C-alpha atoms as a PDB file:
ATOM      1  CA  UNK A   1      -0.248   0.239  -0.143  1.00  0.00           C
ATOM      2  CA  UNK A   2       1.060   3.375  -0.628  1.00  0.00           C
ATOM      3  CA  UNK A   3       0.662   4.645   2.608  1.00  0.00           C
ATOM      4  CA  UNK A   4       3.591   2.385   3.933  1.00  0.00           C
ATOM      5  CA  UNK A   5       6.195   3.872   1.265  1.00  0.00           C
ATOM      6  CA  UNK A   6       9.124   5.567   3.287  1.00  0.00           C
ATOM      7  CA  UNK A   7       9.073   8.981   2.816  1.00  0.00           C
ATOM      8  CA  UNK A   8      11.519  10.400   0.158  1.00  0.00           C
ATOM      9  CA  UNK A   9      12.519  14.093  -1.329  1.00  0.00           C
ATOM     10  CA  UNK A  10      12.169  13.356  -4.777  1.00  0.00           C
ATOM     11  CA  UNK A  11      10.315   9.924  -6.483  1.00  0.00           C
ATOM     12  CA  UNK A  12      12.161   8.916  -9.848  1.00  0.00           C
ATOM     13  CA  UNK A  13      10.311   6.426 -11.529  1.00  0.00           C
ATOM     14  CA  UNK A  14      10.068   4.885 -15.000  1.00  0.00           C
ATOM     15  CA  UNK A  15       6.383   3.816 -15.751  1.00  0.00           C
ATOM     16  CA  UNK A  16       6.525   3.490 -19.369  1.00  0.00           C
ATOM     17  CA  UNK A  17       9.371   1.259 -18.959  1.00  0.00           C
ATOM     18  CA  UNK A  18       8.776  -0.636 -15.815  1.00  0.00           C
ATOM     19  CA  UNK A  19       6.443  -3.147 -16.932  1.00  0.00           C
ATOM     20  CA  UNK A  20       6.925  -5.982 -19.084  1.00  0.00           C
ATOM     21  CA  UNK A  21       4.935  -5.224 -22.402  1.00  0.00           C
ATOM     22  CA  UNK A  22       2.637  -8.398 -21.364  1.00  0.00           C
ATOM     23  CA  UNK A  23       1.401  -6.207 -18.687  1.00  0.00           C
ATOM     24  CA  UNK A  24      -0.170  -3.908 -20.935  1.00  0.00           C
ATOM     25  CA  UNK A  25      -1.475  -0.196 -20.167  1.00  0.00           C
ATOM     26  CA  UNK A  26      -3.467  -1.506 -17.002  1.00  0.00           C
ATOM     27  CA  UNK A  27      -0.722  -2.165 -15.223  1.00  0.00           C
ATOM     28  CA  UNK A  28       1.005   1.013 -15.786  1.00  0.00           C
ATOM     29  CA  UNK A  29      -2.125   3.225 -15.119  1.00  0.00           C
ATOM     30  CA  UNK A  30      -2.303   1.179 -11.858  1.00  0.00           C
ATOM     31  CA  UNK A  31       1.175   2.372 -10.997  1.00  0.00           C
ATOM     32  CA  UNK A  32       0.698   6.161 -12.253  1.00  0.00           C
ATOM     33  CA  UNK A  33      -2.100   6.473  -9.930  1.00  0.00           C
ATOM     34  CA  UNK A  34      -0.113   4.950  -6.820  1.00  0.00           C
ATOM     35  CA  UNK A  35       2.676   7.745  -7.842  1.00  0.00           C
ATOM     36  CA  UNK A  36      -0.378  10.308  -7.660  1.00  0.00           C
ATOM     37  CA  UNK A  37      -1.690   8.877  -4.281  1.00  0.00           C
ATOM     38  CA  UNK A  38       1.719   9.001  -2.908  1.00  0.00           C
ATOM     39  CA  UNK A  39       2.124  12.510  -3.999  1.00  0.00           C
ATOM     40  CA  UNK A  40      -1.053  13.448  -2.476  1.00  0.00           C
ATOM     41  CA  UNK A  41      -0.243  12.077   0.891  1.00  0.00           C
ATOM     42  CA  UNK A  42       3.475  13.741   0.470  1.00  0.00           C
ATOM     43  CA  UNK A  43       2.828  16.924  -1.246  1.00  0.00           C
ATOM     44  CA  UNK A  44       6.406  18.358  -0.702  1.00  0.00           C
ATOM     45  CA  UNK A  45       8.196  15.454  -2.475  1.00  0.00           C
ATOM     46  CA  UNK A  46       9.388  16.353  -5.855  1.00  0.00           C
ATOM     47  CA  UNK A  47       7.889  13.569  -8.634  1.00  0.00           C
ATOM     48  CA  UNK A  48      10.590  13.646 -11.752  1.00  0.00           C
ATOM     49  CA  UNK A  49       8.254  12.715 -14.708  1.00  0.00           C
ATOM     50  CA  UNK A  50       4.780  13.265 -12.847  1.00  0.00           C
ATOM     51  CA  UNK A  51       1.848  11.048 -14.250  1.00  0.00           C
ATOM     52  CA  UNK A  52       0.171  14.047 -15.630  1.00  0.00           C
ATOM     53  CA  UNK A  53       3.173  14.405 -17.825  1.00  0.00           C
ATOM     54  CA  UNK A  54       3.625  10.788 -18.736  1.00  0.00           C
ATOM     55  CA  UNK A  55       0.341   9.926 -19.684  1.00  0.00           C
ATOM     56  CA  UNK A  56       0.036  12.416 -22.629  1.00  0.00           C
ATOM     57  CA  UNK A  57       3.275  10.819 -24.289  1.00  0.00           C
ATOM     58  CA  UNK A  58       1.711   6.902 -24.152  1.00  0.00           C
ATOM     59  CA  UNK A  59      -1.288   8.088 -26.854  1.00  0.00           C
ATOM     60  CA  UNK A  60      -0.692   9.408 -29.937  1.00  0.00           C
ATOM     61  CA  UNK A  61      -3.890  11.002 -30.206  1.00  0.00           C
ATOM     62  CA  UNK A  62      -3.498  13.055 -27.337  1.00  0.00           C
ATOM     63  CA  UNK A  63       0.286  14.080 -28.332  1.00  0.00           C
ATOM     64  CA  UNK A  64      -0.474  15.111 -31.822  1.00  0.00           C
ATOM     65  CA  UNK A  65      -3.527  17.366 -30.586  1.00  0.00           C
ATOM     66  CA  UNK A  66      -1.324  19.055 -27.954  1.00  0.00           C
ATOM     67  CA  UNK A  67       1.406  19.275 -30.504  1.00  0.00           C
ATOM     68  CA  UNK A  68      -1.190  20.542 -33.270  1.00  0.00           C
ATOM     69  CA  UNK A  69      -1.827  23.369 -31.098  1.00  0.00           C
ATOM     70  CA  UNK A  70       1.515  24.921 -30.946  1.00  0.00           C
ATOM     71  CA  UNK A  71       4.005  26.081 -33.274  1.00  0.00           C
ATOM     72  CA  UNK A  72       7.294  27.284 -33.889  1.00  0.00           C
ATOM     73  CA  UNK A  73       8.006  30.537 -35.736  1.00  0.00           C
ATOM     74  CA  UNK A  74       4.543  30.319 -37.504  1.00  0.00           C
ATOM     75  CA  UNK A  75       5.602  26.292 -38.336  1.00  0.00           C
ATOM     76  CA  UNK A  76       3.419  23.560 -36.948  1.00  0.00           C
ATOM     77  CA  UNK A  77       5.200  21.269 -34.889  1.00  0.00           C
ATOM     78  CA  UNK A  78       3.705  18.223 -36.467  1.00  0.00           C
ATOM     79  CA  UNK A  79       3.143  17.092 -39.970  1.00  0.00           C
ATOM     80  CA  UNK A  80      -0.956  17.093 -41.064  1.00  0.00           C
ATOM     81  CA  UNK A  81      -2.575  14.401 -39.361  1.00  0.00           C
ATOM     82  CA  UNK A  82      -5.948  12.701 -39.030  1.00  0.00           C
ATOM     83  CA  UNK A  83      -7.225  10.304 -36.292  1.00  0.00           C
ATOM     84  CA  UNK A  84      -8.795   6.893 -37.482  1.00  0.00           C
ATOM     85  CA  UNK A  85     -11.192   5.250 -35.263  1.00  0.00           C
ATOM     86  CA  UNK A  86     -12.176   1.962 -35.914  1.00  0.00           C
ATOM     87  CA  UNK A  87     -15.169   2.510 -37.608  1.00  0.00           C
ATOM     88  CA  UNK A  88     -13.958   4.551 -40.297  1.00  0.00           C
ATOM     89  CA  UNK A  89     -12.011   2.197 -42.799  1.00  0.00           C
ATOM     90  CA  UNK A  90     -14.720   1.679 -45.025  1.00  0.00           C
ATOM     91  CA  UNK A  91     -14.947   5.504 -46.130  1.00  0.00           C
ATOM     92  CA  UNK A  92     -11.363   6.375 -45.027  1.00  0.00           C
ATOM     93  CA  UNK A  93     -10.196   7.435 -48.698  1.00  0.00           C
ATOM     94  CA  UNK A  94     -12.980  10.252 -48.592  1.00  0.00           C
ATOM     95  CA  UNK A  95     -12.279  11.237 -44.966  1.00  0.00           C
ATOM     96  CA  UNK A  96      -8.577  11.511 -46.184  1.00  0.00           C
ATOM     97  CA  UNK A  97      -9.210  13.351 -49.081  1.00  0.00           C
ATOM     98  CA  UNK A  98     -11.792  15.934 -47.156  1.00  0.00           C
ATOM     99  CA  UNK A  99      -8.793  16.438 -44.506  1.00  0.00           C
ATOM    100  CA  UNK A 100      -6.432  17.483 -47.258  1.00  0.00           C
ATOM    101  CA  UNK A 101      -3.885  14.818 -46.685  1.00  0.00           C
ATOM    102  CA  UNK A 102      -2.110  13.202 -49.827  1.00  0.00           C
ATOM    103  CA  UNK A 103      -0.126  10.194 -50.329  1.00  0.00           C
ATOM    104  CA  UNK A 104       2.053   8.925 -49.369  1.00  0.00           C
ATOM    105  CA  UNK A 105       1.040   8.832 -45.529  1.00  0.00           C
ATOM    106  CA  UNK A 106       2.240   7.028 -42.264  1.00  0.00           C
ATOM    107  CA  UNK A 107      -0.036   5.491 -40.440  1.00  0.00           C
ATOM    108  CA  UNK A 108       0.855   5.174 -36.321  1.00  0.00           C
ATOM    109  CA  UNK A 109      -1.089   3.186 -34.003  1.00  0.00           C
ATOM    110  CA  UNK A 110      -2.455   5.480 -31.316  1.00  0.00           C
ATOM    111  CA  UNK A 111      -0.830   3.983 -28.075  1.00  0.00           C
ATOM    112  CA  UNK A 112       2.727   4.871 -27.787  1.00  0.00           C
ATOM    113  CA  UNK A 113       3.474   3.160 -24.538  1.00  0.00           C
ATOM    114  CA  UNK A 114       6.205   0.988 -25.931  1.00  0.00           C
ATOM    115  CA  UNK A 115       3.959  -1.905 -25.666  1.00  0.00           C
ATOM    116  CA  UNK A 116       3.757  -4.507 -28.511  1.00  0.00           C
ATOM    117  CA  UNK A 117       2.635  -2.714 -31.984  1.00  0.00           C
ATOM    118  CA  UNK A 118       3.310   0.424 -30.711  1.00  0.00           C
ATOM    119  CA  UNK A 119       6.341   0.838 -33.282  1.00  0.00           C
ATOM    120  CA  UNK A 120       4.468  -0.880 -36.518  1.00  0.00           C
ATOM    121  CA  UNK A 121       4.271   2.021 -38.597  1.00  0.00           C
ATOM    122  CA  UNK A 122       3.107   1.924 -41.936  1.00  0.00           C
ATOM    123  CA  UNK A 123       3.300   3.726 -44.964  1.00  0.00           C
ATOM    124  CA  UNK A 124       0.812   4.189 -47.269  1.00  0.00           C
ATOM    125  CA  UNK A 125       1.630   4.811 -50.594  1.00  0.00           C
ATOM    126  CA  UNK A 126      -2.063   4.751 -52.250  1.00  0.00           C
ATOM    127  CA  UNK A 127      -5.656   4.249 -51.513  1.00  0.00           C
ATOM    128  CA  UNK A 128      -5.486   0.461 -51.401  1.00  0.00           C
ATOM    129  CA  UNK A 129      -3.498   0.439 -48.364  1.00  0.00           C
ATOM    130  CA  UNK A 130      -6.081   2.161 -46.070  1.00  0.00           C
ATOM    131  CA  UNK A 131      -7.587  -0.891 -45.292  1.00  0.00           C
ATOM    132  CA  UNK A 132      -7.756  -3.221 -42.377  1.00  0.00           C
ATOM    133  CA  UNK A 133      -6.083  -5.473 -44.006  1.00  0.00           C
ATOM    134  CA  UNK A 134      -2.709  -3.553 -43.877  1.00  0.00           C
ATOM    135  CA  UNK A 135      -3.584  -1.090 -40.954  1.00  0.00           C
ATOM    136  CA  UNK A 136      -4.345  -1.905 -37.357  1.00  0.00           C
ATOM    137  CA  UNK A 137      -7.155   0.453 -36.188  1.00  0.00           C
ATOM    138  CA  UNK A 138      -7.552   2.775 -34.587  1.00  0.00           C
ATOM    139  CA  UNK A 139      -4.244   4.844 -35.197  1.00  0.00           C
ATOM    140  CA  UNK A 140      -3.218   8.043 -36.436  1.00  0.00           C
ATOM    141  CA  UNK A 141      -2.632   9.070 -40.295  1.00  0.00           C
ATOM    142  CA  UNK A 142       0.071  11.490 -40.918  1.00  0.00           C
ATOM    143  CA  UNK A 143       1.197  13.182 -43.963  1.00  0.00           C
ATOM    144  CA  UNK A 144       4.548  11.337 -45.009  1.00  0.00           C
ATOM    145  CA  UNK A 145       7.377  14.363 -45.032  1.00  0.00           C
ATOM    146  CA  UNK A 146      10.793  12.663 -46.437  1.00  0.00           C
ATOM    147  CA  UNK A 147      13.393  13.409 -43.519  1.00  0.00           C
ATOM    148  CA  UNK A 148      16.277  11.795 -45.718  1.00  0.00           C
ATOM    149  CA  UNK A 149      16.711   8.894 -43.300  1.00  0.00           C
ATOM    150  CA  UNK A 150      17.196  11.022 -40.093  1.00  0.00           C
ATOM    151  CA  UNK A 151      14.903  11.191 -37.481  1.00  0.00           C
ATOM    152  CA  UNK A 152      14.630  14.072 -35.206  1.00  0.00           C
ATOM    153  CA  UNK A 153      12.487  13.973 -32.266  1.00  0.00           C
ATOM    154  CA  UNK A 154      11.927  15.848 -29.149  1.00  0.00           C
ATOM    155  CA  UNK A 155       8.984  16.532 -27.137  1.00  0.00           C
ATOM    156  CA  UNK A 156       8.531  19.021 -24.373  1.00  0.00           C
ATOM    157  CA  UNK A 157       4.812  18.433 -22.952  1.00  0.00           C
ATOM    158  CA  UNK A 158       3.925  21.089 -19.587  1.00  0.00           C
END
């Protein structure tokens, strides 16, 4: 129980890495709730990677929506994207066109917590690739932007 945890000055946890992939998001969420409960009991403890900062990073939909609301020198921080639910595949080509996206696209699972399938990205080069035969919905369809095989990835969420 959290009440029995010893008092500390700083609590450093790695909720995203702590659990084996088979434990799934439920175990991770249970851990984050314990960290929050501990912080409520000991408000002077400094939490490194507080749950409020970790949770948005485990869901691409939440993360991309936050990034889409930000700009740097007038430029958006994420390429244009579309959130795809499980029930959209039947008319997905029309939804993609209406959103102003064009091929190639990158499909990314909505979960980004390191669990199985998190890194199963798919480059979709034509409309025939927009089916559940090729993509594991729900997820994000993002405009593909050539980056010369160099990835520059950074994220600061407050």
